[in-house]
Each structure stands twice: as C-alpha cells, then as structure tokens.
Amino acid sequence: MSNVSHSASGKSDISVPEGHILVSHTWQSTQLTTHLAALAKIAYSESLGVVDFYPSEQVAVLFISQADLIAGNSYRRKVVRFRQICSQGRGVVMAQKNPFTTDQFPSFQKFVCIELGLSVIPVRSIEEAAELLSVMAKCESKFNSNPFRIKLKQMQSPDQLILSNLTEIPGLGEKRALMLLEKFKSLEGICNASEKMIAEVVGSGVARGVYSFFHSTVG
C-alpha cells in the first residue's frame, strides 16, 4: 500500500491515486482498514487533517465511531472543522448507529444535518462502513453512470422557456415568436391580444393559429 503526502488546505490539493481510496494514516492497522483492504486498494496519507477517507477527489468522508458518540459532544469540534474543509466540495459524515448509540444518535444527527448542513450515513458496524466506502469509490470512478457527478444541463432562462413554448405553435417559427414577444412583451400579453392585433405582426394565417392556441377549449 502506497503512501501519499500532500497539503490538506483545500480539496484542490487532494490527489487520489487511480483505483484507490485515500485513507488517513491514523487508520493504519485498524479493524476498519483491514476490512477495507480486502475490498479496495488503499493509499495512506499523513496530510488529510480531519478527513478520514477520500473515496474520490470530489468526496471527503469523516467517520464518527461508536466510541465517539458514547463519549459525548467531543465530536462536535471535529465535525465543524470537517464542514469548513468541505465548504467547496461534498462532505459525508459516516457514523455508527447501533443499540449502543441509540440515545446519542438523534442529537448527533440534528447537529450534523440541521445545524451544519452535512449528510449523515448511518452504519451499524465497522464491516458495513468498509463495504460502503468501497462502493462509494466504485461509483465515483464511473463518471458517466454516477448521477451525483453528471452535470445537469444548463437551466433555460425565463425568456428561453417562453420562446420555446411559443415555437411549439404550428406555423410559428422562432423569428415570428420573437416579433410577438417584442410587440406584446410576454405570453400574457400575446394571450390577451386580439387575432387582428396578432395578424398585424405575423400575418393573418399564422395569427389564426396563435389565437386558437391560446383560446381553444377542450370539450
């Protein structure tokens, strides 16, 4: 297993070796990484700061153990620091939720989710945490099939949406649609215009179709 050394001042400094999960050196020789090593390739780093795992360069994971939760609120400072590091990226808090932490988990979840706005993934055991980390790494590596990493199409502006709606009217192309918008300013303005007024802009043949589009009723 290789060691990776880099600055943890921001997510832009993180470099995760291809096909690996980047793991904080503090987890070396632990039960969690023993299980994780059987499921995925691990690269250790001494410079991850408060972050425990990077399944990819885009996702940071903080692990809150059963012992952390039972100990009280000492985890809060760690989570706050983690939130600051993840302000420009995606941060996930993984925490053990089992019969031993039933009483502590509600307040923990409220603090992390509601007060800090981070996501919490509950896991029952160390083994389940390792399995989930390996799955996260596999999903992150499949760029085109990972819904969290597929860029959404740029949202259309209100003007583009109006124009798109108008061009659905039979016989009304983009050029005439723009002429109508310039004259009547909005869809409401076109809707309130008489067929004669519309005809003065786009001609009688097209005006009939536009007027019918806005005023026809379904019987």
Protein backbone atom coordinates (compact mmCIF):
# COMPACT_ATOMS: atom_id res chain seq x y z
CA MET A 1 0.00 0.00 0.00
CA SER A 2 1.44 3.33 -1.02
CA ASN A 3 1.75 6.50 0.98
CA VAL A 4 0.60 9.83 -0.42
CA SER A 5 1.75 13.14 1.01
CA HIS A 6 0.09 16.41 0.10
CA SER A 7 -1.42 19.56 1.58
CA ALA A 8 -4.87 19.31 3.13
CA SER A 9 -5.55 23.03 2.99
CA GLY A 10 -8.30 22.55 0.45
CA LYS A 11 -9.92 19.99 -1.78
CA SER A 12 -7.99 21.25 -4.80
CA ASP A 13 -4.81 19.84 -3.16
CA ILE A 14 -6.20 16.32 -2.90
CA SER A 15 -4.85 13.75 -5.33
CA VAL A 16 -6.32 10.28 -5.07
CA PRO A 17 -4.37 7.59 -6.92
CA GLU A 18 -6.49 5.99 -9.62
CA GLY A 19 -8.42 2.99 -8.35
CA HIS A 20 -7.59 3.73 -4.69
CA ILE A 21 -9.27 5.07 -1.58
CA LEU A 22 -7.15 7.70 0.15
CA VAL A 23 -7.03 6.96 3.89
CA SER A 24 -5.69 8.97 6.80
CA HIS A 25 -2.58 7.38 8.35
CA THR A 26 -4.38 7.37 11.71
CA TRP A 27 -6.43 4.42 10.42
CA GLN A 28 -3.44 2.21 9.66
CA SER A 29 -3.60 -1.26 11.23
CA THR A 30 -7.19 -0.78 12.40
CA GLN A 31 -10.08 -3.19 12.03
CA LEU A 32 -11.78 -0.88 9.54
CA THR A 33 -8.86 -0.69 7.12
CA THR A 34 -8.26 -4.42 7.46
CA HIS A 35 -11.76 -5.00 6.12
CA LEU A 36 -11.40 -2.18 3.57
CA ALA A 37 -8.13 -3.56 2.19
CA ALA A 38 -9.94 -6.78 1.29
CA LEU A 39 -12.43 -4.79 -0.79
CA ALA A 40 -10.41 -1.96 -2.37
CA LYS A 41 -6.92 -0.61 -2.90
CA ILE A 42 -5.76 1.78 -0.17
CA ALA A 43 -3.29 4.67 -0.29
CA TYR A 44 -2.37 6.21 3.06
CA SER A 45 -1.61 9.88 3.65
CA GLU A 46 -0.31 11.77 6.66
CA SER A 47 -1.75 15.07 5.44
CA LEU A 48 -5.52 14.65 5.37
CA GLY A 49 -6.13 16.67 8.50
CA VAL A 50 -9.56 15.95 9.96
CA VAL A 51 -10.72 13.97 6.91
CA ASP A 52 -10.61 10.19 7.35
CA PHE A 53 -11.25 8.95 3.81
CA TYR A 54 -11.39 10.19 0.23
CA PRO A 55 -13.24 7.64 -1.96
CA SER A 56 -12.51 10.14 -4.75
CA GLU A 57 -11.09 13.64 -5.11
CA GLN A 58 -14.65 15.02 -5.02
CA VAL A 59 -15.86 13.34 -1.82
CA ALA A 60 -14.48 13.56 1.72
CA VAL A 61 -15.66 11.23 4.48
CA LEU A 62 -15.48 11.75 8.22
CA PHE A 63 -16.08 8.66 10.36
CA ILE A 64 -17.69 9.03 13.78
CA SER A 65 -17.32 5.82 15.72
CA GLN A 66 -19.48 4.27 18.38
CA ALA A 67 -16.90 5.37 20.95
CA ASP A 68 -17.02 8.98 19.69
CA LEU A 69 -20.79 9.13 20.13
CA ILE A 70 -20.83 7.50 23.55
CA ALA A 71 -18.10 9.87 24.77
CA GLY A 72 -20.45 12.85 24.46
CA ASN A 73 -20.12 16.01 22.38
CA SER A 74 -16.36 15.86 21.82
CA TYR A 75 -17.01 15.02 18.15
CA ARG A 76 -18.53 18.47 17.52
CA ARG A 77 -15.25 20.32 17.04
CA LYS A 78 -14.08 17.66 14.60
CA VAL A 79 -17.30 17.88 12.57
CA VAL A 80 -17.15 21.68 12.46
CA ARG A 81 -13.58 21.56 11.13
CA PHE A 82 -14.68 18.97 8.60
CA ARG A 83 -17.52 21.25 7.45
CA GLN A 84 -15.04 24.09 6.87
CA ILE A 85 -12.80 21.87 4.74
CA CYS A 86 -15.78 20.67 2.68
CA SER A 87 -17.24 24.12 2.03
CA GLN A 88 -16.24 23.86 -1.65
CA GLY A 89 -16.92 20.17 -2.11
CA ARG A 90 -19.01 17.21 -0.99
CA GLY A 91 -18.58 16.06 2.56
CA VAL A 92 -20.22 13.00 4.10
CA VAL A 93 -20.29 12.06 7.76
CA MET A 94 -20.44 8.33 8.36
CA ALA A 95 -21.47 7.32 11.87
CA GLN A 96 -22.13 4.13 13.77
CA LYS A 97 -25.79 3.73 14.65
CA ASN A 98 -26.48 0.64 16.73
CA PRO A 99 -28.09 -0.31 20.05
CA PHE A 100 -25.18 1.25 21.93
CA THR A 101 -25.65 4.69 20.31
CA THR A 102 -29.44 4.84 20.11
CA ASP A 103 -29.70 7.57 22.76
CA GLN A 104 -26.93 9.75 21.32
CA PHE A 105 -27.75 9.48 17.62
CA PRO A 106 -30.77 11.85 17.37
CA SER A 107 -28.89 14.84 18.82
CA PHE A 108 -25.83 13.98 16.72
CA GLN A 109 -27.92 13.83 13.54
CA LYS A 110 -29.64 17.12 14.34
CA PHE A 111 -26.29 18.85 14.86
CA VAL A 112 -24.68 17.49 11.70
CA CYS A 113 -27.64 17.71 9.33
CA ILE A 114 -29.69 20.67 10.53
CA GLU A 115 -27.08 22.92 12.10
CA LEU A 116 -24.17 22.20 9.75
CA GLY A 117 -25.98 21.07 6.61
CA LEU A 118 -23.91 17.92 6.09
CA SER A 119 -25.14 14.48 5.06
CA VAL A 120 -25.09 11.63 7.56
CA ILE A 121 -24.83 7.99 6.54
CA PRO A 122 -25.54 5.61 9.44
CA VAL A 123 -23.69 2.29 9.51
CA ARG A 124 -24.18 -0.48 12.02
CA SER A 125 -20.66 -1.82 12.12
CA ILE A 126 -17.05 -1.35 11.04
CA GLU A 127 -17.56 -4.03 8.39
CA GLU A 128 -20.54 -2.15 6.94
CA ALA A 129 -18.51 1.08 6.89
CA ALA A 130 -15.75 -0.63 4.89
CA GLU A 131 -18.25 -2.07 2.42
CA LEU A 132 -19.90 1.32 1.93
CA LEU A 133 -16.57 3.08 1.36
CA SER A 134 -15.62 0.56 -1.32
CA VAL A 135 -18.97 1.02 -3.04
CA MET A 136 -18.60 4.81 -2.93
CA ALA A 137 -15.17 4.54 -4.57
CA LYS A 138 -16.51 2.33 -7.34
CA CYS A 139 -19.46 4.65 -8.02
CA GLU A 140 -17.24 7.73 -8.08
CA SER A 141 -14.94 6.13 -10.63
CA LYS A 142 -17.81 5.60 -13.07
CA PHE A 143 -18.24 9.21 -14.14
CA ASN A 144 -20.95 8.75 -16.73
CA SER A 145 -23.07 6.38 -14.65
CA ASN A 146 -22.83 8.27 -11.36
CA PRO A 147 -25.88 10.57 -11.02
CA PHE A 148 -24.05 12.73 -8.47
CA ARG A 149 -21.32 13.62 -10.95
CA ILE A 150 -23.29 14.05 -14.18
CA LYS A 151 -23.55 17.76 -14.87
CA LEU A 152 -27.10 18.96 -15.25
CA LYS A 153 -27.96 20.72 -18.46
CA GLN A 154 -27.81 24.45 -18.07
CA MET A 155 -31.19 25.67 -16.96
CA GLN A 156 -33.04 27.74 -19.51
CA SER A 157 -33.71 31.36 -18.69
CA PRO A 158 -37.36 32.54 -18.46
CA ASP A 159 -37.04 34.21 -21.88
CA GLN A 160 -35.74 30.99 -23.43
CA LEU A 161 -38.59 29.00 -21.90
CA ILE A 162 -41.18 31.45 -23.25
CA LEU A 163 -39.64 31.34 -26.71
CA SER A 164 -39.53 27.54 -26.57
CA ASN A 165 -43.23 27.41 -25.69
CA LEU A 166 -44.19 29.79 -28.47
CA THR A 167 -42.32 27.88 -31.16
CA GLU A 168 -44.48 24.84 -30.38
CA ILE A 169 -47.40 26.67 -32.00
CA PRO A 170 -47.86 25.28 -35.55
CA GLY A 171 -46.60 27.71 -38.17
CA LEU A 172 -44.89 29.99 -35.68
CA GLY A 173 -41.12 29.84 -36.00
CA GLU A 174 -38.51 31.47 -33.79
CA LYS A 175 -38.36 34.65 -35.87
CA ARG A 176 -42.11 35.33 -35.66
CA ALA A 177 -42.17 34.29 -31.99
CA LEU A 178 -39.52 36.93 -31.23
CA MET A 179 -41.58 39.52 -33.14
CA LEU A 180 -44.62 38.72 -30.98
CA LEU A 181 -42.61 38.94 -27.77
CA GLU A 182 -41.15 42.26 -28.85
CA LYS A 183 -44.63 43.60 -29.55
CA PHE A 184 -46.60 42.17 -26.61
CA LYS A 185 -43.77 41.75 -24.05
CA SER A 186 -44.97 38.45 -22.52
CA LEU A 187 -47.07 35.31 -23.01
CA GLU A 188 -49.86 37.03 -21.10
CA GLY A 189 -49.69 39.98 -23.48
CA ILE A 190 -49.94 37.69 -26.51
CA CYS A 191 -52.79 35.77 -24.90
CA ASN A 192 -54.76 38.99 -24.28
CA ALA A 193 -54.21 40.31 -27.80
CA SER A 194 -56.96 40.00 -30.40
CA GLU A 195 -56.45 37.93 -33.53
CA LYS A 196 -56.37 41.17 -35.53
CA MET A 197 -53.60 42.61 -33.38
CA ILE A 198 -51.55 39.43 -33.75
CA ALA A 199 -52.13 39.44 -37.50
CA GLU A 200 -50.58 42.90 -37.74
CA VAL A 201 -47.31 41.33 -36.55
CA VAL A 202 -47.20 37.86 -38.12
CA GLY A 203 -49.91 37.84 -40.80
CA SER A 204 -53.47 36.55 -40.78
CA GLY A 205 -52.67 32.89 -41.47
CA VAL A 206 -50.27 32.46 -38.56
CA ALA A 207 -52.36 34.76 -36.32
CA ARG A 208 -55.30 32.37 -36.58
CA GLY A 209 -53.18 29.52 -35.27
CA VAL A 210 -51.67 31.61 -32.45
CA TYR A 211 -55.05 32.92 -31.31
CA SER A 212 -56.56 29.43 -31.46
CA PHE A 213 -53.64 28.03 -29.43
CA PHE A 214 -54.38 30.37 -26.52
CA HIS A 215 -58.18 30.42 -26.68
CA SER A 216 -59.34 27.00 -27.85
CA THR A 217 -61.15 24.87 -25.26
CA VAL A 218 -61.23 21.12 -24.92
CA GLY A 219 -64.78 19.82 -24.99
